[in-house]
């Protein structure tokens, strides 16, 4: 499913738990011939910021918690920048990922999964912001099969993951997680399947690039 699209391309993917956002992101990146940054972003952000990779992993996509909790967690953290000493650890992690996302996007075309990448790159004309959803029962089944857990545990996992992602996105961005106005394209993966969803995003990106070109030439 190789795509022939010229120019700089950045795709950010917001996703509901169980919708297959990571799988779609990886397939999309492969079709575009670019890198996909999901969990991989943690390693890059750790190297760029000087924060411990384990700290970044623990606080990945976690909204700011209580001040007391942050003080406790800070005792386990490494030194970051002097200006960030009093900043809660969750905000340090967000800022590290935020800066890393912007730096990566400046140097290469790529696909980002989650982590408020669409907000970090707000205003960038080459960014396509996608949100992937799915039917509830199908998402629960996907989680149960992927993580080898019961239906009830999968349902609980999905609900908690979506709540965490929603809280994280709504806390740090100026938009609302999952609302159509926050994105360029919203897709129900259950209607198109994985391959169909990837193809739909590729088609959208291609049309978007062509429209940009035509607009610039006017």
C-alpha atoms as a PDB file:
ATOM      1  CA  UNK A   1       0.000   0.000   0.000  1.00  0.00           C
ATOM      2  CA  UNK A   2       2.766   2.409  -0.978  1.00  0.00           C
ATOM      3  CA  UNK A   3       1.772   6.045  -1.366  1.00  0.00           C
ATOM      4  CA  UNK A   4       3.200   8.460  -3.902  1.00  0.00           C
ATOM      5  CA  UNK A   5       2.781  11.820  -2.188  1.00  0.00           C
ATOM      6  CA  UNK A   6       5.324  14.594  -2.636  1.00  0.00           C
ATOM      7  CA  UNK A   7       6.346  17.177  -0.065  1.00  0.00           C
ATOM      8  CA  UNK A   8       6.545  17.342   3.706  1.00  0.00           C
ATOM      9  CA  UNK A   9       3.904  15.242   5.449  1.00  0.00           C
ATOM     10  CA  UNK A  10       3.099  15.120   9.166  1.00  0.00           C
ATOM     11  CA  UNK A  11       0.163  13.039  10.394  1.00  0.00           C
ATOM     12  CA  UNK A  12      -0.934  13.094  14.027  1.00  0.00           C
ATOM     13  CA  UNK A  13      -3.229  10.338  15.260  1.00  0.00           C
ATOM     14  CA  UNK A  14      -5.526  10.649  18.242  1.00  0.00           C
ATOM     15  CA  UNK A  15      -7.218   7.378  19.074  1.00  0.00           C
ATOM     16  CA  UNK A  16      -9.686   5.659  21.325  1.00  0.00           C
ATOM     17  CA  UNK A  17      -8.428   2.599  23.185  1.00  0.00           C
ATOM     18  CA  UNK A  18      -9.039  -0.526  21.126  1.00  0.00           C
ATOM     19  CA  UNK A  19      -9.409   1.373  17.852  1.00  0.00           C
ATOM     20  CA  UNK A  20      -6.042   0.150  16.612  1.00  0.00           C
ATOM     21  CA  UNK A  21      -4.465   3.585  16.421  1.00  0.00           C
ATOM     22  CA  UNK A  22      -0.900   2.334  16.861  1.00  0.00           C
ATOM     23  CA  UNK A  23      -1.327  -0.412  14.251  1.00  0.00           C
ATOM     24  CA  UNK A  24      -2.831   2.087  11.828  1.00  0.00           C
ATOM     25  CA  UNK A  25      -0.090   4.609  12.551  1.00  0.00           C
ATOM     26  CA  UNK A  26       2.633   2.048  11.829  1.00  0.00           C
ATOM     27  CA  UNK A  27       0.969   0.930   8.584  1.00  0.00           C
ATOM     28  CA  UNK A  28       0.421   4.537   7.521  1.00  0.00           C
ATOM     29  CA  UNK A  29       4.055   5.424   8.184  1.00  0.00           C
ATOM     30  CA  UNK A  30       5.207   2.406   6.193  1.00  0.00           C
ATOM     31  CA  UNK A  31       3.010   3.401   3.260  1.00  0.00           C
ATOM     32  CA  UNK A  32       4.375   6.954   3.367  1.00  0.00           C
ATOM     33  CA  UNK A  33       7.953   5.764   3.790  1.00  0.00           C
ATOM     34  CA  UNK A  34       8.424   7.681   7.063  1.00  0.00           C
ATOM     35  CA  UNK A  35       8.886   6.914  10.776  1.00  0.00           C
ATOM     36  CA  UNK A  36       6.063   6.415  13.256  1.00  0.00           C
ATOM     37  CA  UNK A  37       6.562   7.851  16.733  1.00  0.00           C
ATOM     38  CA  UNK A  38       4.473   6.298  19.500  1.00  0.00           C
ATOM     39  CA  UNK A  39       6.330   4.734  22.410  1.00  0.00           C
ATOM     40  CA  UNK A  40       9.487   5.406  20.394  1.00  0.00           C
ATOM     41  CA  UNK A  41       9.051   9.081  21.230  1.00  0.00           C
ATOM     42  CA  UNK A  42       9.949   8.324  24.867  1.00  0.00           C
ATOM     43  CA  UNK A  43      13.503   7.269  24.011  1.00  0.00           C
ATOM     44  CA  UNK A  44      14.066  10.319  21.824  1.00  0.00           C
ATOM     45  CA  UNK A  45      12.575  12.690  24.431  1.00  0.00           C
ATOM     46  CA  UNK A  46      14.730  11.141  27.164  1.00  0.00           C
ATOM     47  CA  UNK A  47      17.864  11.722  25.111  1.00  0.00           C
ATOM     48  CA  UNK A  48      16.878  15.281  24.202  1.00  0.00           C
ATOM     49  CA  UNK A  49      15.712  16.376  27.668  1.00  0.00           C
ATOM     50  CA  UNK A  50      18.034  14.512  30.011  1.00  0.00           C
ATOM     51  CA  UNK A  51      15.082  13.017  31.884  1.00  0.00           C
ATOM     52  CA  UNK A  52      15.277   9.366  32.888  1.00  0.00           C
ATOM     53  CA  UNK A  53      13.544   7.103  30.346  1.00  0.00           C
ATOM     54  CA  UNK A  54      11.765   5.234  33.156  1.00  0.00           C
ATOM     55  CA  UNK A  55      10.296   8.522  34.427  1.00  0.00           C
ATOM     56  CA  UNK A  56       9.052   9.373  30.953  1.00  0.00           C
ATOM     57  CA  UNK A  57       7.518   5.915  30.624  1.00  0.00           C
ATOM     58  CA  UNK A  58       5.769   6.142  34.002  1.00  0.00           C
ATOM     59  CA  UNK A  59       4.298   9.593  33.296  1.00  0.00           C
ATOM     60  CA  UNK A  60       3.541   9.046  29.608  1.00  0.00           C
ATOM     61  CA  UNK A  61       0.170  10.609  28.663  1.00  0.00           C
ATOM     62  CA  UNK A  62      -0.686  11.238  32.312  1.00  0.00           C
ATOM     63  CA  UNK A  63      -2.367  14.549  33.296  1.00  0.00           C
ATOM     64  CA  UNK A  64      -0.971  16.581  36.193  1.00  0.00           C
ATOM     65  CA  UNK A  65      -1.921  15.139  39.567  1.00  0.00           C
ATOM     66  CA  UNK A  66      -1.861  16.624  43.044  1.00  0.00           C
ATOM     67  CA  UNK A  67       0.960  18.837  44.246  1.00  0.00           C
ATOM     68  CA  UNK A  68       1.793  16.348  47.020  1.00  0.00           C
ATOM     69  CA  UNK A  69       2.065  13.488  44.529  1.00  0.00           C
ATOM     70  CA  UNK A  70       4.373  15.561  42.359  1.00  0.00           C
ATOM     71  CA  UNK A  71       6.658  16.333  45.299  1.00  0.00           C
ATOM     72  CA  UNK A  72       6.981  12.644  46.094  1.00  0.00           C
ATOM     73  CA  UNK A  73       7.722  11.717  42.472  1.00  0.00           C
ATOM     74  CA  UNK A  74      10.238  14.516  42.106  1.00  0.00           C
ATOM     75  CA  UNK A  75      12.470  12.845  44.697  1.00  0.00           C
ATOM     76  CA  UNK A  76      13.035  10.068  42.150  1.00  0.00           C
ATOM     77  CA  UNK A  77      13.628  12.305  39.151  1.00  0.00           C
ATOM     78  CA  UNK A  78      16.849  13.401  37.530  1.00  0.00           C
ATOM     79  CA  UNK A  79      17.760  17.041  37.152  1.00  0.00           C
ATOM     80  CA  UNK A  80      16.138  18.674  34.149  1.00  0.00           C
ATOM     81  CA  UNK A  81      16.511  22.446  33.546  1.00  0.00           C
ATOM     82  CA  UNK A  82      16.903  24.930  36.388  1.00  0.00           C
ATOM     83  CA  UNK A  83      13.752  26.783  35.348  1.00  0.00           C
ATOM     84  CA  UNK A  84      11.713  23.598  35.740  1.00  0.00           C
ATOM     85  CA  UNK A  85      12.708  22.707  39.314  1.00  0.00           C
ATOM     86  CA  UNK A  86       9.286  23.520  40.803  1.00  0.00           C
ATOM     87  CA  UNK A  87       7.312  22.085  37.884  1.00  0.00           C
ATOM     88  CA  UNK A  88       5.262  18.910  38.550  1.00  0.00           C
ATOM     89  CA  UNK A  89       6.865  15.830  37.023  1.00  0.00           C
ATOM     90  CA  UNK A  90       3.921  15.241  34.656  1.00  0.00           C
ATOM     91  CA  UNK A  91       4.434  18.726  33.213  1.00  0.00           C
ATOM     92  CA  UNK A  92       8.170  18.129  32.818  1.00  0.00           C
ATOM     93  CA  UNK A  93       7.407  14.988  30.863  1.00  0.00           C
ATOM     94  CA  UNK A  94       4.798  16.751  28.736  1.00  0.00           C
ATOM     95  CA  UNK A  95       7.215  19.593  27.971  1.00  0.00           C
ATOM     96  CA  UNK A  96       9.996  17.136  27.081  1.00  0.00           C
ATOM     97  CA  UNK A  97       7.711  15.331  24.630  1.00  0.00           C
ATOM     98  CA  UNK A  98       6.244  18.601  23.331  1.00  0.00           C
ATOM     99  CA  UNK A  99       9.686  19.992  22.475  1.00  0.00           C
ATOM    100  CA  UNK A 100      10.810  16.688  20.989  1.00  0.00           C
ATOM    101  CA  UNK A 101       7.743  16.479  18.752  1.00  0.00           C
ATOM    102  CA  UNK A 102       8.383  19.985  17.414  1.00  0.00           C
ATOM    103  CA  UNK A 103      12.061  19.224  16.806  1.00  0.00           C
ATOM    104  CA  UNK A 104      11.330  15.965  14.978  1.00  0.00           C
ATOM    105  CA  UNK A 105       8.671  17.632  12.808  1.00  0.00           C
ATOM    106  CA  UNK A 106      11.129  20.361  11.824  1.00  0.00           C
ATOM    107  CA  UNK A 107      13.521  17.784  10.394  1.00  0.00           C
ATOM    108  CA  UNK A 108      11.440  15.012   8.861  1.00  0.00           C
ATOM    109  CA  UNK A 109       8.071  13.852   7.612  1.00  0.00           C
ATOM    110  CA  UNK A 110       6.541  11.388  10.082  1.00  0.00           C
ATOM    111  CA  UNK A 111       3.509  10.022  11.896  1.00  0.00           C
ATOM    112  CA  UNK A 112       2.851  10.763  15.584  1.00  0.00           C
ATOM    113  CA  UNK A 113       0.471   8.672  17.700  1.00  0.00           C
ATOM    114  CA  UNK A 114      -1.103  10.477  20.678  1.00  0.00           C
ATOM    115  CA  UNK A 115       0.806  12.711  23.122  1.00  0.00           C
ATOM    116  CA  UNK A 116      -0.960  15.926  22.023  1.00  0.00           C
ATOM    117  CA  UNK A 117       1.162  16.032  18.871  1.00  0.00           C
ATOM    118  CA  UNK A 118      -1.574  17.904  17.011  1.00  0.00           C
ATOM    119  CA  UNK A 119      -1.477  20.603  19.692  1.00  0.00           C
ATOM    120  CA  UNK A 120       2.324  20.771  19.706  1.00  0.00           C
ATOM    121  CA  UNK A 121       2.265  21.328  15.937  1.00  0.00           C
ATOM    122  CA  UNK A 122      -0.738  23.651  15.876  1.00  0.00           C
ATOM    123  CA  UNK A 123      -0.503  26.141  13.040  1.00  0.00           C
ATOM    124  CA  UNK A 124       1.791  23.956  10.922  1.00  0.00           C
ATOM    125  CA  UNK A 125       0.203  23.858   7.428  1.00  0.00           C
ATOM    126  CA  UNK A 126       1.622  20.417   6.610  1.00  0.00           C
ATOM    127  CA  UNK A 127       0.029  18.648   9.568  1.00  0.00           C
ATOM    128  CA  UNK A 128      -3.008  16.399   9.074  1.00  0.00           C
ATOM    129  CA  UNK A 129      -4.822  15.762  12.360  1.00  0.00           C
ATOM    130  CA  UNK A 130      -6.659  12.437  12.515  1.00  0.00           C
ATOM    131  CA  UNK A 131      -8.840  10.863  15.202  1.00  0.00           C
ATOM    132  CA  UNK A 132      -9.681   7.158  15.104  1.00  0.00           C
ATOM    133  CA  UNK A 133     -12.697   5.678  16.847  1.00  0.00           C
ATOM    134  CA  UNK A 134     -14.543   2.369  16.620  1.00  0.00           C
ATOM    135  CA  UNK A 135     -17.600   0.449  17.744  1.00  0.00           C
ATOM    136  CA  UNK A 136     -17.510  -0.311  21.462  1.00  0.00           C
ATOM    137  CA  UNK A 137     -17.908  -4.084  21.259  1.00  0.00           C
ATOM    138  CA  UNK A 138     -15.286  -4.393  18.545  1.00  0.00           C
ATOM    139  CA  UNK A 139     -12.818  -2.265  20.506  1.00  0.00           C
ATOM    140  CA  UNK A 140     -13.302  -4.375  23.632  1.00  0.00           C
ATOM    141  CA  UNK A 141     -12.771  -7.550  21.613  1.00  0.00           C
ATOM    142  CA  UNK A 142      -9.618  -6.112  20.048  1.00  0.00           C
ATOM    143  CA  UNK A 143      -8.186  -5.287  23.492  1.00  0.00           C
ATOM    144  CA  UNK A 144      -9.143  -8.707  24.883  1.00  0.00           C
ATOM    145  CA  UNK A 145      -7.367 -10.479  22.016  1.00  0.00           C
ATOM    146  CA  UNK A 146      -4.337  -8.206  21.988  1.00  0.00           C
ATOM    147  CA  UNK A 147      -3.641  -8.378  25.721  1.00  0.00           C
ATOM    148  CA  UNK A 148      -5.157 -11.822  26.332  1.00  0.00           C
ATOM    149  CA  UNK A 149      -7.639 -10.686  28.965  1.00  0.00           C
ATOM    150  CA  UNK A 150     -11.294 -11.326  29.736  1.00  0.00           C
ATOM    151  CA  UNK A 151     -14.125  -9.244  28.269  1.00  0.00           C
ATOM    152  CA  UNK A 152     -14.769  -7.466  31.576  1.00  0.00           C
ATOM    153  CA  UNK A 153     -11.093  -6.640  32.113  1.00  0.00           C
ATOM    154  CA  UNK A 154     -10.805  -5.426  28.536  1.00  0.00           C
ATOM    155  CA  UNK A 155     -13.835  -3.185  28.972  1.00  0.00           C
ATOM    156  CA  UNK A 156     -12.418  -1.730  32.193  1.00  0.00           C
ATOM    157  CA  UNK A 157      -9.028  -1.231  30.523  1.00  0.00           C
ATOM    158  CA  UNK A 158     -10.642   0.609  27.602  1.00  0.00           C
ATOM    159  CA  UNK A 159     -12.687   2.924  29.808  1.00  0.00           C
ATOM    160  CA  UNK A 160      -9.727   3.837  32.015  1.00  0.00           C
ATOM    161  CA  UNK A 161      -7.395   4.358  29.056  1.00  0.00           C
ATOM    162  CA  UNK A 162      -9.866   6.651  27.287  1.00  0.00           C
ATOM    163  CA  UNK A 163     -10.469   8.637  30.463  1.00  0.00           C
ATOM    164  CA  UNK A 164      -6.729   9.070  30.975  1.00  0.00           C
ATOM    165  CA  UNK A 165      -6.158  10.141  27.383  1.00  0.00           C
ATOM    166  CA  UNK A 166      -9.103  12.518  27.469  1.00  0.00           C
ATOM    167  CA  UNK A 167      -7.952  14.135  30.709  1.00  0.00           C
ATOM    168  CA  UNK A 168      -4.409  14.457  29.395  1.00  0.00           C
ATOM    169  CA  UNK A 169      -5.435  16.013  26.079  1.00  0.00           C
ATOM    170  CA  UNK A 170      -8.020  18.354  27.587  1.00  0.00           C
ATOM    171  CA  UNK A 171      -5.602  19.493  30.306  1.00  0.00           C
ATOM    172  CA  UNK A 172      -2.689  20.389  28.047  1.00  0.00           C
ATOM    173  CA  UNK A 173      -4.364  21.471  24.801  1.00  0.00           C
ATOM    174  CA  UNK A 174      -6.878  24.190  24.004  1.00  0.00           C
ATOM    175  CA  UNK A 175      -9.202  21.637  22.388  1.00  0.00           C
ATOM    176  CA  UNK A 176     -11.391  18.695  23.385  1.00  0.00           C
ATOM    177  CA  UNK A 177     -10.318  15.090  22.946  1.00  0.00           C
ATOM    178  CA  UNK A 178     -12.462  13.220  20.431  1.00  0.00           C
ATOM    179  CA  UNK A 179     -14.525  16.214  19.291  1.00  0.00           C
ATOM    180  CA  UNK A 180     -14.671  16.605  15.516  1.00  0.00           C
ATOM    181  CA  UNK A 181     -13.691  20.283  15.655  1.00  0.00           C
ATOM    182  CA  UNK A 182     -10.309  19.304  17.085  1.00  0.00           C
ATOM    183  CA  UNK A 183      -9.278  17.323  13.999  1.00  0.00           C
ATOM    184  CA  UNK A 184      -9.121  17.399  10.207  1.00  0.00           C
ATOM    185  CA  UNK A 185     -10.402  13.854   9.798  1.00  0.00           C
ATOM    186  CA  UNK A 186     -12.354  11.521  12.119  1.00  0.00           C
ATOM    187  CA  UNK A 187     -12.704   7.848  11.124  1.00  0.00           C
ATOM    188  CA  UNK A 188     -14.642   4.921  12.565  1.00  0.00           C
ATOM    189  CA  UNK A 189     -12.232   2.043  11.999  1.00  0.00           C
ATOM    190  CA  UNK A 190     -15.081  -0.448  12.458  1.00  0.00           C
ATOM    191  CA  UNK A 191     -16.628   0.814   9.203  1.00  0.00           C
ATOM    192  CA  UNK A 192     -13.500   0.510   7.067  1.00  0.00           C
ATOM    193  CA  UNK A 193     -11.258  -2.074   8.720  1.00  0.00           C
ATOM    194  CA  UNK A 194      -7.559  -1.487   9.363  1.00  0.00           C
ATOM    195  CA  UNK A 195      -6.409  -1.447   5.738  1.00  0.00           C
ATOM    196  CA  UNK A 196      -9.375   0.639   4.642  1.00  0.00           C
ATOM    197  CA  UNK A 197      -8.720   3.177   7.388  1.00  0.00           C
ATOM    198  CA  UNK A 198      -5.073   3.499   6.363  1.00  0.00           C
ATOM    199  CA  UNK A 199      -6.115   3.962   2.736  1.00  0.00           C
ATOM    200  CA  UNK A 200      -8.714   6.574   3.691  1.00  0.00           C
ATOM    201  CA  UNK A 201      -6.081   8.592   5.545  1.00  0.00           C
ATOM    202  CA  UNK A 202      -3.674   8.318   2.615  1.00  0.00           C
ATOM    203  CA  UNK A 203      -6.390   9.501   0.226  1.00  0.00           C
ATOM    204  CA  UNK A 204      -7.205  12.426   2.522  1.00  0.00           C
ATOM    205  CA  UNK A 205      -3.533  13.432   2.762  1.00  0.00           C
ATOM    206  CA  UNK A 206      -3.162  13.268  -1.011  1.00  0.00           C
ATOM    207  CA  UNK A 207      -6.258  15.402  -1.623  1.00  0.00           C
ATOM    208  CA  UNK A 208      -5.170  17.829   1.093  1.00  0.00           C
ATOM    209  CA  UNK A 209      -1.730  18.267  -0.486  1.00  0.00           C
ATOM    210  CA  UNK A 210      -3.262  18.814  -3.914  1.00  0.00           C
ATOM    211  CA  UNK A 211      -5.703  21.381  -2.526  1.00  0.00           C
ATOM    212  CA  UNK A 212      -2.857  23.215  -0.787  1.00  0.00           C
ATOM    213  CA  UNK A 213      -0.911  23.329  -4.037  1.00  0.00           C
ATOM    214  CA  UNK A 214      -3.873  24.666  -5.980  1.00  0.00           C
ATOM    215  CA  UNK A 215      -4.587  27.281  -3.309  1.00  0.00           C
ATOM    216  CA  UNK A 216      -0.975  28.480  -3.277  1.00  0.00           C
ATOM    217  CA  UNK A 217      -0.951  28.822  -7.060  1.00  0.00           C
ATOM    218  CA  UNK A 218      -3.987  31.109  -7.117  1.00  0.00           C
END
